[in-house]
Structures are given as structure tokens and as C-alpha cells.
């Protein structure tokens, strides 16, 4: 996969997840269209995705910020 080719993962539970590339995860934007998490390598991205996007997404710091911003509106 090209590092900037994005796809969606249907197994992700987080409602704020949008798409991902080889080393990035893009979520709903806090400021702008997307909030992008860039990881050192695919393994680090997959570990984060498993823990938060597919698992306990309420523990994700990005999810927490997005929820705070939605509450403030």
C-alpha cells in the first residue's frame, strides 16, 4: 500500500474514525476536515488502532477532545 493511499476499515468501532493509510489514521477534524495521527511505522499504527479505534475508543485522547468540542457547541 502506498503510504498516502487511504482506505476505511469496517471493523473499527470508533464513530470518529474516517480512514487510514500505511502510517496514518484520520479521524473527524477538531480543526479542519481531519485530525491526523501519524505513526513511526505500520506496527505502531496497528497497535494504536487495535487498542483505541477497534477497542476502547473512549480512552483515545483524540476521541475525548472531539467529544469535548461537540459538547461545547
C-alpha atoms as a PDB file:
ATOM      1  CA  UNK A   1       0.000   0.000   0.000  1.00  0.00           C
ATOM      2  CA  UNK A   2       1.326   3.439  -0.873  1.00  0.00           C
ATOM      3  CA  UNK A   3       1.871   5.466   2.295  1.00  0.00           C
ATOM      4  CA  UNK A   4      -0.711   8.043   1.171  1.00  0.00           C
ATOM      5  CA  UNK A   5      -3.361   5.678  -0.191  1.00  0.00           C
ATOM      6  CA  UNK A   6      -6.292   5.851   2.214  1.00  0.00           C
ATOM      7  CA  UNK A   7      -8.870   3.203   2.985  1.00  0.00           C
ATOM      8  CA  UNK A   8     -11.603   2.603   5.536  1.00  0.00           C
ATOM      9  CA  UNK A   9     -11.622  -0.335   7.940  1.00  0.00           C
ATOM     10  CA  UNK A  10     -15.117  -1.723   8.547  1.00  0.00           C
ATOM     11  CA  UNK A  11     -14.009  -3.359  11.838  1.00  0.00           C
ATOM     12  CA  UNK A  12     -13.328  -0.011  13.524  1.00  0.00           C
ATOM     13  CA  UNK A  13     -15.872   0.814  16.250  1.00  0.00           C
ATOM     14  CA  UNK A  14     -14.992   4.464  16.866  1.00  0.00           C
ATOM     15  CA  UNK A  15     -17.613   6.782  15.355  1.00  0.00           C
ATOM     16  CA  UNK A  16     -14.955   9.466  14.725  1.00  0.00           C
ATOM     17  CA  UNK A  17     -12.629   7.276  12.621  1.00  0.00           C
ATOM     18  CA  UNK A  18     -12.645   8.201   8.927  1.00  0.00           C
ATOM     19  CA  UNK A  19      -9.798   6.453   7.077  1.00  0.00           C
ATOM     20  CA  UNK A  20      -6.184   5.362   7.251  1.00  0.00           C
ATOM     21  CA  UNK A  21      -3.000   4.952   5.256  1.00  0.00           C
ATOM     22  CA  UNK A  22       0.088   2.845   5.915  1.00  0.00           C
ATOM     23  CA  UNK A  23       1.233   5.006   8.862  1.00  0.00           C
ATOM     24  CA  UNK A  24      -1.666   7.423   9.477  1.00  0.00           C
ATOM     25  CA  UNK A  25      -5.126   7.345  10.996  1.00  0.00           C
ATOM     26  CA  UNK A  26      -7.519  10.149  10.116  1.00  0.00           C
ATOM     27  CA  UNK A  27     -10.435  10.997  12.359  1.00  0.00           C
ATOM     28  CA  UNK A  28     -13.141  13.663  12.336  1.00  0.00           C
ATOM     29  CA  UNK A  29     -11.455  17.051  12.342  1.00  0.00           C
ATOM     30  CA  UNK A  30     -11.134  19.031  15.532  1.00  0.00           C
ATOM     31  CA  UNK A  31      -9.940  21.942  13.373  1.00  0.00           C
ATOM     32  CA  UNK A  32     -10.353  21.367   9.655  1.00  0.00           C
ATOM     33  CA  UNK A  33     -11.501  18.312   7.755  1.00  0.00           C
ATOM     34  CA  UNK A  34      -9.446  15.655   9.558  1.00  0.00           C
ATOM     35  CA  UNK A  35      -7.367  15.127  12.664  1.00  0.00           C
ATOM     36  CA  UNK A  36      -4.402  13.032  11.570  1.00  0.00           C
ATOM     37  CA  UNK A  37      -2.339  10.744  13.789  1.00  0.00           C
ATOM     38  CA  UNK A  38       0.986   9.913  12.152  1.00  0.00           C
ATOM     39  CA  UNK A  39       2.883   6.876  13.433  1.00  0.00           C
ATOM     40  CA  UNK A  40       6.522   5.835  13.116  1.00  0.00           C
ATOM     41  CA  UNK A  41       5.605   2.630  11.285  1.00  0.00           C
ATOM     42  CA  UNK A  42       2.700   0.346  10.401  1.00  0.00           C
ATOM     43  CA  UNK A  43       3.147  -1.769  13.537  1.00  0.00           C
ATOM     44  CA  UNK A  44       2.751   1.251  15.848  1.00  0.00           C
ATOM     45  CA  UNK A  45      -0.322   2.386  13.905  1.00  0.00           C
ATOM     46  CA  UNK A  46      -1.908  -1.073  14.074  1.00  0.00           C
ATOM     47  CA  UNK A  47      -1.265  -1.314  17.839  1.00  0.00           C
ATOM     48  CA  UNK A  48      -2.929   2.065  18.408  1.00  0.00           C
ATOM     49  CA  UNK A  49      -5.838   1.174  16.119  1.00  0.00           C
ATOM     50  CA  UNK A  50      -6.395  -2.157  17.884  1.00  0.00           C
ATOM     51  CA  UNK A  51      -6.303  -0.525  21.338  1.00  0.00           C
ATOM     52  CA  UNK A  52      -8.449   2.507  20.583  1.00  0.00           C
ATOM     53  CA  UNK A  53     -10.202   2.540  17.207  1.00  0.00           C
ATOM     54  CA  UNK A  54     -11.304  -1.103  17.373  1.00  0.00           C
ATOM     55  CA  UNK A  55     -11.381  -1.346  21.158  1.00  0.00           C
ATOM     56  CA  UNK A  56     -11.787   1.218  23.917  1.00  0.00           C
ATOM     57  CA  UNK A  57     -12.238   4.288  21.744  1.00  0.00           C
ATOM     58  CA  UNK A  58     -13.465   6.342  24.721  1.00  0.00           C
ATOM     59  CA  UNK A  59      -9.910   6.042  26.089  1.00  0.00           C
ATOM     60  CA  UNK A  60      -8.448   7.641  22.958  1.00  0.00           C
ATOM     61  CA  UNK A  61      -7.211  11.206  23.571  1.00  0.00           C
ATOM     62  CA  UNK A  62      -8.444  12.310  20.135  1.00  0.00           C
ATOM     63  CA  UNK A  63     -11.903  10.872  20.764  1.00  0.00           C
ATOM     64  CA  UNK A  64     -12.010  12.645  24.124  1.00  0.00           C
ATOM     65  CA  UNK A  65     -11.156  16.001  22.504  1.00  0.00           C
ATOM     66  CA  UNK A  66     -13.722  15.555  19.745  1.00  0.00           C
ATOM     67  CA  UNK A  67     -16.384  14.729  22.339  1.00  0.00           C
ATOM     68  CA  UNK A  68     -15.410  17.839  24.365  1.00  0.00           C
ATOM     69  CA  UNK A  69     -15.702  20.002  21.255  1.00  0.00           C
ATOM     70  CA  UNK A  70     -19.138  18.543  20.443  1.00  0.00           C
ATOM     71  CA  UNK A  71     -20.325  19.278  23.972  1.00  0.00           C
ATOM     72  CA  UNK A  72     -19.154  22.888  23.684  1.00  0.00           C
ATOM     73  CA  UNK A  73     -21.239  23.512  20.550  1.00  0.00           C
END
